[in-house]
Structure formats: C-alpha cells, structure tokens
Amino acid sequence: MTKLQHPKFTQFVEGFEDLLKSVSSEQVILERGRTLLQSLIAEDNWLPESFAEVGAGSYRQYLLHLDAESRFSVVSFVWAPGQKTPVHNHTVWGLVGMLRGEEIAQGYVFAEDGSLKPDGEPVLLKRGEIDAVSPSIGDVHSVENALVDKASISIHVYGADIGRVRRSSFQQDGTQKVFVSGYTNA
C-alpha cells in the first residue's frame, strides 16, 4: 500500500522491492538500502505537506508505504522543536535518512544490573545523512529534534510494518514497557 505518489518515491520503493527480492543478508540490505535512501533524500521536492505536518503534543509518524508482503515500511518522522522519543527499540533493521533539519540520537546498552547506560556519545544526524539500527548493530536509542526553532523531518525504512511491531520503551533502570506505535495517518 503506497500512500504517497511521486515518481522519485516510486523509484525508491521499486528499488527497495528489487533489493529485498534478491538479497536476504541484513548487512547487504543495510548497505544497498543506504544507497537507495541517500538518492531519495538528496532532493527535498517529493514529500507532500500532508506527510510533513508537525504535531504540537508529540512527534508524528506518517506511513508513506507498506510493502504488500510487509517486508518493509517507509515512514516520515516529523519533529517539532523540543520533541524527543523515550528510549526505545525497533526489533527489526532500519535506516534513517535526514530530509530536513537535524536529529540527535543517543544509543544505549544494558549494564550488568539491567539498567541503561549511554553507548558512546550522541550522534548528530544532519541533512542528507543516514543512520542504521538493528538488533545486530545496536537497536536501543532515543532521538530528538536538534533544532530549537524549527521542525525536522527524517525518512525511515524498516524491515517490517513498523506501526504494528510490538516494541519496547525503557526507563533508566531498565524497566520495559511494550508498545505498538501505529501511524499518525492510519
């Protein structure tokens, strides 16, 4: 199901479909998928405003495309100034490309006592840059809009229908809460 109709986006979706038909290695999917996503976010002329509207109370997650077999989904995340996620996981591979603005992502790992501790320094993702997540390379993080005066928008590609995946958010002590994110436009 494609919610967004634009030639550049259609080309991206078709490229990702071809990739997943020919490759099963997560590492290769992330490498080649990064190239496809880089091409998509190189220009900022294809995302309609209806998929870029800011929410006052929380960041928004708009479904742009869901593969017919739920092998992957594409969403736009729209962040108002000051908006931030809780610490959370994904349970599947994902790619994040910055279309507009900037985000700060802080990775986390579990300490021996089960609490969370930062995994390295925060990463600043600028316009045109791409990051990856997955249980095999690091899957627990928090994300926030790095800009204090305007919205930021990132395009995410996940290896499942991310709006229906049972995921978890975490407190600093490691306490886990299961959630299903859904989509702003579903």
N, C-alpha and C. Protein backbone atom coordinates (compact mmCIF):
# COMPACT_ATOMS: atom_id res chain seq x y z
N MET A 1 0.85 -1.17 0.00
CA MET A 1 0.00 0.00 0.00
C MET A 1 0.90 1.24 0.00
N THR A 2 0.81 2.00 -1.05
CA THR A 2 1.55 3.25 -1.13
C THR A 2 0.61 4.41 -0.88
N LYS A 3 0.92 5.20 0.12
CA LYS A 3 0.11 6.36 0.43
C LYS A 3 0.62 7.60 -0.30
N LEU A 4 1.84 7.54 -0.77
CA LEU A 4 2.49 8.69 -1.40
C LEU A 4 2.75 8.38 -2.87
N GLN A 5 2.30 9.26 -3.75
CA GLN A 5 2.51 9.09 -5.18
C GLN A 5 3.42 10.21 -5.68
N HIS A 6 4.66 9.85 -5.99
CA HIS A 6 5.60 10.78 -6.60
C HIS A 6 6.63 9.93 -7.33
N PRO A 7 7.02 10.29 -8.55
CA PRO A 7 7.95 9.45 -9.31
C PRO A 7 9.25 9.11 -8.56
N LYS A 8 9.81 10.07 -7.86
CA LYS A 8 11.06 9.82 -7.12
C LYS A 8 10.82 8.80 -6.00
N PHE A 9 9.71 8.92 -5.32
CA PHE A 9 9.40 7.98 -4.25
C PHE A 9 9.07 6.60 -4.83
N THR A 10 8.33 6.55 -5.92
CA THR A 10 8.01 5.28 -6.57
C THR A 10 9.28 4.56 -6.99
N GLN A 11 10.24 5.28 -7.52
CA GLN A 11 11.52 4.70 -7.92
C GLN A 11 12.24 4.11 -6.69
N PHE A 12 12.20 4.82 -5.59
CA PHE A 12 12.83 4.33 -4.36
C PHE A 12 12.16 3.03 -3.90
N VAL A 13 10.83 3.02 -3.86
CA VAL A 13 10.09 1.83 -3.41
C VAL A 13 10.39 0.64 -4.32
N GLU A 14 10.37 0.86 -5.62
CA GLU A 14 10.67 -0.23 -6.55
C GLU A 14 12.10 -0.74 -6.37
N GLY A 15 13.02 0.15 -6.12
CA GLY A 15 14.40 -0.26 -5.85
C GLY A 15 14.51 -1.10 -4.60
N PHE A 16 13.78 -0.73 -3.56
CA PHE A 16 13.81 -1.49 -2.31
C PHE A 16 13.14 -2.85 -2.50
N GLU A 17 12.05 -2.90 -3.26
CA GLU A 17 11.40 -4.18 -3.54
C GLU A 17 12.35 -5.12 -4.28
N ASP A 18 13.05 -4.59 -5.29
CA ASP A 18 14.02 -5.40 -6.03
C ASP A 18 15.14 -5.88 -5.12
N LEU A 19 15.62 -5.01 -4.25
CA LEU A 19 16.68 -5.37 -3.31
C LEU A 19 16.25 -6.54 -2.43
N LEU A 20 15.06 -6.45 -1.85
CA LEU A 20 14.61 -7.49 -0.94
C LEU A 20 14.26 -8.79 -1.65
N LYS A 21 13.97 -8.73 -2.94
CA LYS A 21 13.74 -9.95 -3.72
C LYS A 21 15.04 -10.69 -4.00
N SER A 22 16.14 -9.94 -4.05
CA SER A 22 17.41 -10.53 -4.46
C SER A 22 18.39 -10.80 -3.32
N VAL A 23 18.15 -10.24 -2.14
CA VAL A 23 19.11 -10.31 -1.04
C VAL A 23 18.40 -10.64 0.26
N SER A 24 19.01 -11.50 1.08
CA SER A 24 18.44 -11.76 2.41
C SER A 24 19.37 -11.34 3.54
N SER A 25 20.61 -11.05 3.23
CA SER A 25 21.59 -10.65 4.24
C SER A 25 21.27 -9.25 4.76
N GLU A 26 21.06 -9.14 6.07
CA GLU A 26 20.78 -7.83 6.65
C GLU A 26 21.88 -6.83 6.36
N GLN A 27 23.12 -7.26 6.46
CA GLN A 27 24.24 -6.36 6.21
C GLN A 27 24.18 -5.79 4.79
N VAL A 28 23.88 -6.62 3.82
CA VAL A 28 23.79 -6.17 2.43
C VAL A 28 22.57 -5.28 2.24
N ILE A 29 21.45 -5.64 2.88
CA ILE A 29 20.25 -4.79 2.79
C ILE A 29 20.55 -3.40 3.33
N LEU A 30 21.23 -3.33 4.47
CA LEU A 30 21.55 -2.02 5.05
C LEU A 30 22.51 -1.24 4.16
N GLU A 31 23.51 -1.92 3.58
CA GLU A 31 24.47 -1.24 2.72
C GLU A 31 23.81 -0.72 1.44
N ARG A 32 23.11 -1.59 0.74
CA ARG A 32 22.49 -1.20 -0.53
C ARG A 32 21.28 -0.30 -0.28
N GLY A 33 20.56 -0.56 0.79
CA GLY A 33 19.42 0.28 1.14
C GLY A 33 19.85 1.70 1.48
N ARG A 34 21.01 1.83 2.08
CA ARG A 34 21.56 3.15 2.38
C ARG A 34 21.74 3.97 1.10
N THR A 35 22.23 3.31 0.07
CA THR A 35 22.42 3.99 -1.22
C THR A 35 21.08 4.43 -1.81
N LEU A 36 20.08 3.56 -1.74
CA LEU A 36 18.75 3.91 -2.24
C LEU A 36 18.16 5.09 -1.46
N LEU A 37 18.28 5.03 -0.13
CA LEU A 37 17.74 6.11 0.71
C LEU A 37 18.51 7.41 0.47
N GLN A 38 19.81 7.31 0.28
CA GLN A 38 20.62 8.51 0.00
C GLN A 38 20.12 9.22 -1.25
N SER A 39 19.79 8.44 -2.26
CA SER A 39 19.26 9.02 -3.50
C SER A 39 17.91 9.70 -3.26
N LEU A 40 17.06 9.07 -2.45
CA LEU A 40 15.74 9.64 -2.17
C LEU A 40 15.84 10.97 -1.43
N ILE A 41 16.67 11.04 -0.41
CA ILE A 41 16.73 12.26 0.42
C ILE A 41 17.66 13.33 -0.14
N ALA A 42 18.33 13.03 -1.27
CA ALA A 42 19.23 14.01 -1.87
C ALA A 42 18.47 15.26 -2.33
N GLU A 43 17.20 15.07 -2.67
CA GLU A 43 16.36 16.20 -3.08
C GLU A 43 15.16 16.27 -2.15
N ASP A 44 14.77 17.48 -1.83
CA ASP A 44 13.63 17.67 -0.94
C ASP A 44 12.48 18.33 -1.71
N ASN A 45 11.97 17.61 -2.70
CA ASN A 45 10.88 18.16 -3.51
C ASN A 45 9.76 17.15 -3.71
N TRP A 46 9.75 16.09 -2.96
CA TRP A 46 8.80 15.00 -3.23
C TRP A 46 7.85 14.70 -2.08
N LEU A 47 8.11 15.19 -0.89
CA LEU A 47 7.27 14.89 0.27
C LEU A 47 6.16 15.93 0.41
N PRO A 48 4.89 15.54 0.17
CA PRO A 48 3.79 16.49 0.32
C PRO A 48 3.65 16.97 1.77
N GLU A 49 3.12 18.18 1.92
CA GLU A 49 2.95 18.75 3.25
C GLU A 49 2.06 17.89 4.14
N SER A 50 1.14 17.13 3.56
CA SER A 50 0.26 16.28 4.37
C SER A 50 1.03 15.20 5.12
N PHE A 51 2.26 14.91 4.69
CA PHE A 51 3.11 13.93 5.37
C PHE A 51 4.24 14.62 6.14
N ALA A 52 4.12 15.95 6.31
CA ALA A 52 5.15 16.73 6.97
C ALA A 52 4.58 17.67 8.03
N GLU A 53 3.32 17.43 8.42
CA GLU A 53 2.69 18.31 9.40
C GLU A 53 3.20 18.02 10.80
N VAL A 54 3.52 19.08 11.51
CA VAL A 54 4.04 19.00 12.88
C VAL A 54 2.88 18.79 13.85
N GLY A 55 3.11 17.98 14.88
CA GLY A 55 2.14 17.79 15.95
C GLY A 55 2.58 18.56 17.18
N ALA A 56 1.66 19.25 17.82
CA ALA A 56 2.01 20.06 18.98
C ALA A 56 2.40 19.21 20.19
N GLY A 57 1.71 18.10 20.40
CA GLY A 57 1.95 17.31 21.60
C GLY A 57 3.02 16.26 21.47
N SER A 58 3.27 15.78 20.26
CA SER A 58 4.21 14.69 20.08
C SER A 58 4.71 14.68 18.64
N TYR A 59 5.84 14.03 18.42
CA TYR A 59 6.32 13.84 17.06
C TYR A 59 5.29 12.99 16.31
N ARG A 60 5.33 13.06 15.00
CA ARG A 60 4.38 12.31 14.19
C ARG A 60 5.11 11.30 13.31
N GLN A 61 4.44 10.18 13.08
CA GLN A 61 4.98 9.11 12.25
C GLN A 61 3.95 8.81 11.16
N TYR A 62 4.25 9.29 9.93
CA TYR A 62 3.32 9.12 8.81
C TYR A 62 3.74 7.93 7.95
N LEU A 63 2.82 7.03 7.70
CA LEU A 63 3.08 5.92 6.80
C LEU A 63 3.08 6.43 5.37
N LEU A 64 4.21 6.21 4.67
CA LEU A 64 4.32 6.59 3.27
C LEU A 64 4.12 5.39 2.36
N HIS A 65 4.61 4.22 2.80
CA HIS A 65 4.48 3.00 2.01
C HIS A 65 4.59 1.77 2.92
N LEU A 66 3.74 0.79 2.63
CA LEU A 66 3.83 -0.52 3.28
C LEU A 66 3.89 -1.56 2.18
N ASP A 67 4.95 -2.31 2.14
CA ASP A 67 5.12 -3.38 1.17
C ASP A 67 3.96 -4.36 1.27
N ALA A 68 3.50 -4.86 0.14
CA ALA A 68 2.35 -5.77 0.11
C ALA A 68 2.57 -7.01 0.98
N GLU A 69 3.82 -7.41 1.14
CA GLU A 69 4.14 -8.59 1.97
C GLU A 69 4.64 -8.19 3.36
N SER A 70 4.54 -6.92 3.70
CA SER A 70 5.02 -6.38 4.99
C SER A 70 6.51 -6.63 5.21
N ARG A 71 7.28 -6.73 4.12
CA ARG A 71 8.73 -6.91 4.24
C ARG A 71 9.41 -5.62 4.67
N PHE A 72 8.79 -4.47 4.30
CA PHE A 72 9.35 -3.19 4.72
C PHE A 72 8.27 -2.12 4.71
N SER A 73 8.51 -1.09 5.51
CA SER A 73 7.64 0.08 5.54
C SER A 73 8.51 1.32 5.48
N VAL A 74 7.91 2.39 4.96
CA VAL A 74 8.61 3.67 4.86
C VAL A 74 7.74 4.71 5.55
N VAL A 75 8.34 5.48 6.44
CA VAL A 75 7.59 6.49 7.18
C VAL A 75 8.37 7.80 7.21
N SER A 76 7.63 8.89 7.37
CA SER A 76 8.27 10.17 7.66
C SER A 76 8.03 10.46 9.14
N PHE A 77 9.11 10.83 9.83
CA PHE A 77 9.01 11.27 11.22
C PHE A 77 9.13 12.78 11.21
N VAL A 78 8.17 13.45 11.84
CA VAL A 78 8.15 14.90 11.86
C VAL A 78 8.26 15.36 13.31
N TRP A 79 9.27 16.17 13.55
CA TRP A 79 9.61 16.60 14.91
C TRP A 79 9.46 18.11 15.05
N ALA A 80 8.66 18.55 15.98
CA ALA A 80 8.64 19.97 16.34
C ALA A 80 9.85 20.25 17.22
N PRO A 81 10.23 21.52 17.37
CA PRO A 81 11.33 21.84 18.28
C PRO A 81 11.05 21.28 19.68
N GLY A 82 12.07 20.68 20.27
CA GLY A 82 11.97 20.16 21.63
C GLY A 82 11.38 18.77 21.75
N GLN A 83 10.89 18.19 20.69
CA GLN A 83 10.29 16.85 20.79
C GLN A 83 11.36 15.77 20.82
N LYS A 84 11.08 14.73 21.58
CA LYS A 84 12.04 13.67 21.83
C LYS A 84 11.30 12.36 22.08
N THR A 85 11.89 11.27 21.67
CA THR A 85 11.32 9.95 21.95
C THR A 85 11.79 9.49 23.33
N PRO A 86 11.07 8.55 23.92
CA PRO A 86 11.66 7.84 25.06
C PRO A 86 12.75 6.90 24.52
N VAL A 87 13.53 6.33 25.39
CA VAL A 87 14.46 5.29 24.98
C VAL A 87 13.62 4.11 24.51
N HIS A 88 13.93 3.58 23.33
CA HIS A 88 13.09 2.53 22.74
C HIS A 88 13.92 1.63 21.83
N ASN A 89 13.31 0.51 21.42
CA ASN A 89 13.94 -0.37 20.45
C ASN A 89 13.06 -0.48 19.21
N HIS A 90 13.51 -1.28 18.23
CA HIS A 90 12.79 -1.45 16.97
C HIS A 90 12.50 -2.92 16.68
N THR A 91 13.38 -3.80 17.08
CA THR A 91 13.34 -5.26 16.91
C THR A 91 13.56 -5.71 15.47
N VAL A 92 13.70 -4.79 14.53
CA VAL A 92 13.96 -5.09 13.13
C VAL A 92 15.02 -4.11 12.62
N TRP A 93 15.59 -4.40 11.43
CA TRP A 93 16.55 -3.45 10.85
C TRP A 93 15.82 -2.17 10.43
N GLY A 94 16.57 -1.09 10.42
CA GLY A 94 16.01 0.19 9.99
C GLY A 94 17.08 1.13 9.49
N LEU A 95 16.68 1.99 8.58
CA LEU A 95 17.53 3.06 8.08
C LEU A 95 16.83 4.38 8.32
N VAL A 96 17.59 5.39 8.71
CA VAL A 96 17.04 6.72 8.99
C VAL A 96 17.82 7.73 8.15
N GLY A 97 17.11 8.47 7.32
CA GLY A 97 17.75 9.49 6.49
C GLY A 97 17.16 10.86 6.79
N MET A 98 18.02 11.84 7.01
CA MET A 98 17.55 13.20 7.32
C MET A 98 17.18 13.94 6.04
N LEU A 99 15.90 14.28 5.94
CA LEU A 99 15.40 15.03 4.80
C LEU A 99 15.47 16.53 5.06
N ARG A 100 15.06 16.94 6.27
CA ARG A 100 15.07 18.37 6.65
C ARG A 100 15.52 18.47 8.10
N GLY A 101 16.32 19.47 8.38
CA GLY A 101 16.72 19.72 9.76
C GLY A 101 17.79 18.78 10.25
N GLU A 102 17.77 18.53 11.58
CA GLU A 102 18.78 17.70 12.24
C GLU A 102 18.16 16.96 13.41
N GLU A 103 18.72 15.78 13.70
CA GLU A 103 18.30 14.99 14.86
C GLU A 103 19.53 14.60 15.67
N ILE A 104 19.30 14.37 16.94
CA ILE A 104 20.33 13.82 17.81
C ILE A 104 19.84 12.46 18.27
N ALA A 105 20.67 11.44 18.07
CA ALA A 105 20.35 10.09 18.52
C ALA A 105 21.37 9.67 19.57
N GLN A 106 20.88 9.11 20.66
CA GLN A 106 21.75 8.59 21.71
C GLN A 106 21.49 7.10 21.84
N GLY A 107 22.50 6.30 21.55
CA GLY A 107 22.39 4.85 21.70
C GLY A 107 22.54 4.45 23.16
N TYR A 108 21.97 3.30 23.51
CA TYR A 108 22.05 2.77 24.87
C TYR A 108 22.35 1.29 24.83
N VAL A 109 22.98 0.81 25.89
CA VAL A 109 23.19 -0.62 26.13
C VAL A 109 22.76 -0.91 27.56
N PHE A 110 22.51 -2.17 27.83
CA PHE A 110 22.13 -2.58 29.18
C PHE A 110 23.37 -2.94 29.98
N ALA A 111 23.46 -2.38 31.18
CA ALA A 111 24.55 -2.69 32.10
C ALA A 111 24.27 -4.05 32.75
N GLU A 112 25.24 -4.57 33.46
CA GLU A 112 25.09 -5.88 34.11
C GLU A 112 23.92 -5.91 35.08
N ASP A 113 23.60 -4.78 35.70
CA ASP A 113 22.48 -4.74 36.65
C ASP A 113 21.12 -4.54 35.97
N GLY A 114 21.12 -4.50 34.62
CA GLY A 114 19.87 -4.35 33.87
C GLY A 114 19.50 -2.91 33.56
N SER A 115 20.22 -1.95 34.13
CA SER A 115 19.92 -0.55 33.86
C SER A 115 20.50 -0.15 32.50
N LEU A 116 20.06 1.00 32.02
CA LEU A 116 20.56 1.51 30.74
C LEU A 116 21.74 2.44 30.97
N LYS A 117 22.68 2.37 30.06
CA LYS A 117 23.77 3.34 30.08
C LYS A 117 24.03 3.78 28.65
N PRO A 118 24.42 5.04 28.46
CA PRO A 118 24.70 5.52 27.11
C PRO A 118 25.77 4.68 26.43
N ASP A 119 25.59 4.46 25.15
CA ASP A 119 26.56 3.72 24.34
C ASP A 119 27.26 4.73 23.44
N GLY A 120 28.34 5.30 23.93
CA GLY A 120 29.06 6.32 23.18
C GLY A 120 28.43 7.68 23.32
N GLU A 121 28.93 8.58 22.52
CA GLU A 121 28.45 9.96 22.50
C GLU A 121 27.20 10.06 21.64
N PRO A 122 26.36 11.08 21.88
CA PRO A 122 25.22 11.31 21.00
C PRO A 122 25.70 11.56 19.56
N VAL A 123 24.88 11.15 18.61
CA VAL A 123 25.22 11.32 17.19
C VAL A 123 24.30 12.39 16.61
N LEU A 124 24.89 13.40 15.98
CA LEU A 124 24.13 14.44 15.30
C LEU A 124 23.97 14.03 13.85
N LEU A 125 22.72 13.86 13.43
CA LEU A 125 22.41 13.49 12.05
C LEU A 125 21.95 14.74 11.33
N LYS A 126 22.72 15.17 10.32
CA LYS A 126 22.42 16.39 9.57
C LYS A 126 21.75 16.05 8.25
N ARG A 127 21.19 17.07 7.63
CA ARG A 127 20.51 16.94 6.35
C ARG A 127 21.33 16.08 5.39
N GLY A 128 20.71 15.05 4.82
CA GLY A 128 21.36 14.18 3.84
C GLY A 128 22.12 13.01 4.44
N GLU A 129 22.26 12.96 5.76
CA GLU A 129 22.99 11.86 6.39
C GLU A 129 22.06 10.71 6.76
N ILE A 130 22.65 9.52 6.90
CA ILE A 130 21.88 8.31 7.15
C ILE A 130 22.47 7.55 8.33
N ASP A 131 21.60 6.98 9.14
CA ASP A 131 21.99 6.13 10.26
C ASP A 131 21.24 4.81 10.12
N ALA A 132 21.70 3.80 10.83
CA ALA A 132 21.06 2.48 10.79
C ALA A 132 20.87 1.94 12.20
N VAL A 133 19.83 1.13 12.37
CA VAL A 133 19.56 0.43 13.63
C VAL A 133 19.21 -1.01 13.30
N SER A 134 19.45 -1.88 14.26
CA SER A 134 19.02 -3.27 14.15
C SER A 134 19.48 -3.98 15.42
N PRO A 135 18.83 -5.06 15.78
CA PRO A 135 19.28 -5.81 16.94
C PRO A 135 20.74 -6.28 16.81
N SER A 136 21.22 -6.45 15.58
CA SER A 136 22.59 -6.94 15.39
C SER A 136 23.66 -5.84 15.47
N ILE A 137 23.27 -4.57 15.28
CA ILE A 137 24.27 -3.49 15.30
C ILE A 137 24.00 -2.44 16.36
N GLY A 138 22.89 -2.53 17.06
CA GLY A 138 22.50 -1.54 18.06
C GLY A 138 21.09 -1.10 17.79
N ASP A 139 20.20 -1.37 18.73
CA ASP A 139 18.78 -1.18 18.46
C ASP A 139 18.06 -0.36 19.52
N VAL A 140 18.75 0.07 20.56
CA VAL A 140 18.10 0.82 21.63
C VAL A 140 18.66 2.24 21.62
N HIS A 141 17.76 3.21 21.46
CA HIS A 141 18.20 4.60 21.44
C HIS A 141 17.06 5.55 21.77
N SER A 142 17.40 6.81 21.93
CA SER A 142 16.42 7.90 21.99
C SER A 142 16.81 8.87 20.89
N VAL A 143 15.80 9.61 20.40
CA VAL A 143 16.03 10.55 19.30
C VAL A 143 15.31 11.84 19.63
N GLU A 144 15.92 12.96 19.24
CA GLU A 144 15.27 14.25 19.45
C GLU A 144 15.60 15.21 18.32
N ASN A 145 14.72 16.18 18.13
CA ASN A 145 14.98 17.24 17.17
C ASN A 145 16.13 18.08 17.72
N ALA A 146 17.15 18.26 16.91
CA ALA A 146 18.32 19.04 17.34
C ALA A 146 18.11 20.54 17.19
N LEU A 147 17.06 20.92 16.47
CA LEU A 147 16.82 22.34 16.22
C LEU A 147 15.83 22.90 17.23
N VAL A 148 16.13 24.08 17.74
CA VAL A 148 15.26 24.70 18.74
C VAL A 148 14.23 25.64 18.14
N ASP A 149 14.36 25.92 16.83
CA ASP A 149 13.48 26.92 16.23
C ASP A 149 12.67 26.43 15.03
N LYS A 150 12.85 25.17 14.62
CA LYS A 150 12.04 24.68 13.50
C LYS A 150 11.96 23.16 13.51
N ALA A 151 11.05 22.67 12.68
CA ALA A 151 10.81 21.22 12.60
C ALA A 151 11.96 20.52 11.88
N SER A 152 12.08 19.23 12.15
CA SER A 152 13.00 18.36 11.43
C SER A 152 12.20 17.17 10.93
N ILE A 153 12.60 16.65 9.76
CA ILE A 153 11.89 15.52 9.17
C ILE A 153 12.91 14.48 8.72
N SER A 154 12.69 13.24 9.17
CA SER A 154 13.54 12.15 8.73
C SER A 154 12.67 11.08 8.07
N ILE A 155 13.29 10.38 7.12
CA ILE A 155 12.62 9.30 6.40
C ILE A 155 13.20 7.99 6.91
N HIS A 156 12.31 7.10 7.38
CA HIS A 156 12.73 5.82 7.97
C HIS A 156 12.24 4.68 7.11
N VAL A 157 13.09 3.68 6.94
CA VAL A 157 12.73 2.44 6.26
C VAL A 157 12.99 1.32 7.25
N TYR A 158 11.98 0.50 7.50
CA TYR A 158 12.10 -0.59 8.47
C TYR A 158 11.81 -1.93 7.81
N GLY A 159 12.42 -2.98 8.34
CA GLY A 159 12.25 -4.33 7.81
C GLY A 159 11.00 -5.02 8.30
N ALA A 160 9.90 -4.30 8.40
CA ALA A 160 8.60 -4.84 8.82
C ALA A 160 7.59 -3.69 8.75
N ASP A 161 6.34 -3.99 9.04
CA ASP A 161 5.31 -2.96 9.19
C ASP A 161 5.51 -2.37 10.59
N ILE A 162 6.38 -1.37 10.69
CA ILE A 162 6.82 -0.87 11.99
C ILE A 162 5.67 -0.36 12.85
N GLY A 163 4.60 0.08 12.25
CA GLY A 163 3.45 0.55 13.01
C GLY A 163 2.70 -0.55 13.73
N ARG A 164 2.99 -1.82 13.39
CA ARG A 164 2.33 -2.96 14.02
C ARG A 164 3.28 -3.84 14.83
N VAL A 165 4.55 -3.50 14.84
CA VAL A 165 5.55 -4.30 15.56
C VAL A 165 5.46 -4.02 17.05
N ARG A 166 5.44 -5.09 17.84
CA ARG A 166 5.49 -4.94 19.30
C ARG A 166 6.94 -4.60 19.68
N ARG A 167 7.10 -3.39 20.21
CA ARG A 167 8.41 -2.90 20.59
C ARG A 167 8.38 -2.53 22.06
N SER A 168 9.48 -1.97 22.54
CA SER A 168 9.54 -1.59 23.95
C SER A 168 10.17 -0.22 24.12
N SER A 169 9.68 0.49 25.12
CA SER A 169 10.37 1.67 25.62
C SER A 169 10.94 1.28 26.97
N PHE A 170 11.96 2.04 27.40
CA PHE A 170 12.70 1.66 28.61
C PHE A 170 12.90 2.86 29.52
N GLN A 171 12.78 2.62 30.82
CA GLN A 171 13.16 3.60 31.83
C GLN A 171 14.67 3.46 32.07
N GLN A 172 15.25 4.43 32.74
CA GLN A 172 16.69 4.39 33.00
C GLN A 172 17.11 3.14 33.78
N ASP A 173 16.22 2.64 34.65
CA ASP A 173 16.56 1.45 35.42
C ASP A 173 16.39 0.16 34.63
N GLY A 174 15.99 0.27 33.36
CA GLY A 174 15.81 -0.89 32.51
C GLY A 174 14.38 -1.41 32.45
N THR A 175 13.50 -0.83 33.24
CA THR A 175 12.10 -1.25 33.21
C THR A 175 11.56 -1.09 31.80
N GLN A 176 10.89 -2.12 31.32
CA GLN A 176 10.42 -2.19 29.94
C GLN A 176 8.91 -2.03 29.87
N LYS A 177 8.45 -1.29 28.87
CA LYS A 177 7.02 -1.15 28.60
C LYS A 177 6.79 -1.45 27.12
N VAL A 178 5.96 -2.44 26.83
CA VAL A 178 5.68 -2.83 25.45
C VAL A 178 4.71 -1.83 24.83
N PHE A 179 4.94 -1.49 23.55
CA PHE A 179 4.04 -0.60 22.83
C PHE A 179 4.00 -0.98 21.35
N VAL A 180 2.97 -0.54 20.70
CA VAL A 180 2.83 -0.63 19.24
C VAL A 180 2.59 0.80 18.78
N SER A 181 3.44 1.32 17.93
CA SER A 181 3.42 2.76 17.63
C SER A 181 2.25 3.19 16.75
N GLY A 182 1.82 2.35 15.83
CA GLY A 182 0.80 2.80 14.88
C GLY A 182 1.35 3.91 14.00
N TYR A 183 0.44 4.59 13.31
CA TYR A 183 0.81 5.67 12.41
C TYR A 183 -0.12 6.86 12.64
N THR A 184 0.39 8.05 12.45
CA THR A 184 -0.43 9.24 12.60
C THR A 184 -1.55 9.26 11.57
N ASN A 185 -1.30 8.77 10.37
CA ASN A 185 -2.26 8.85 9.27
C ASN A 185 -2.96 7.52 8.97
N ALA A 186 -3.02 6.62 9.92
CA ALA A 186 -3.68 5.32 9.66
C ALA A 186 -5.08 5.32 10.26
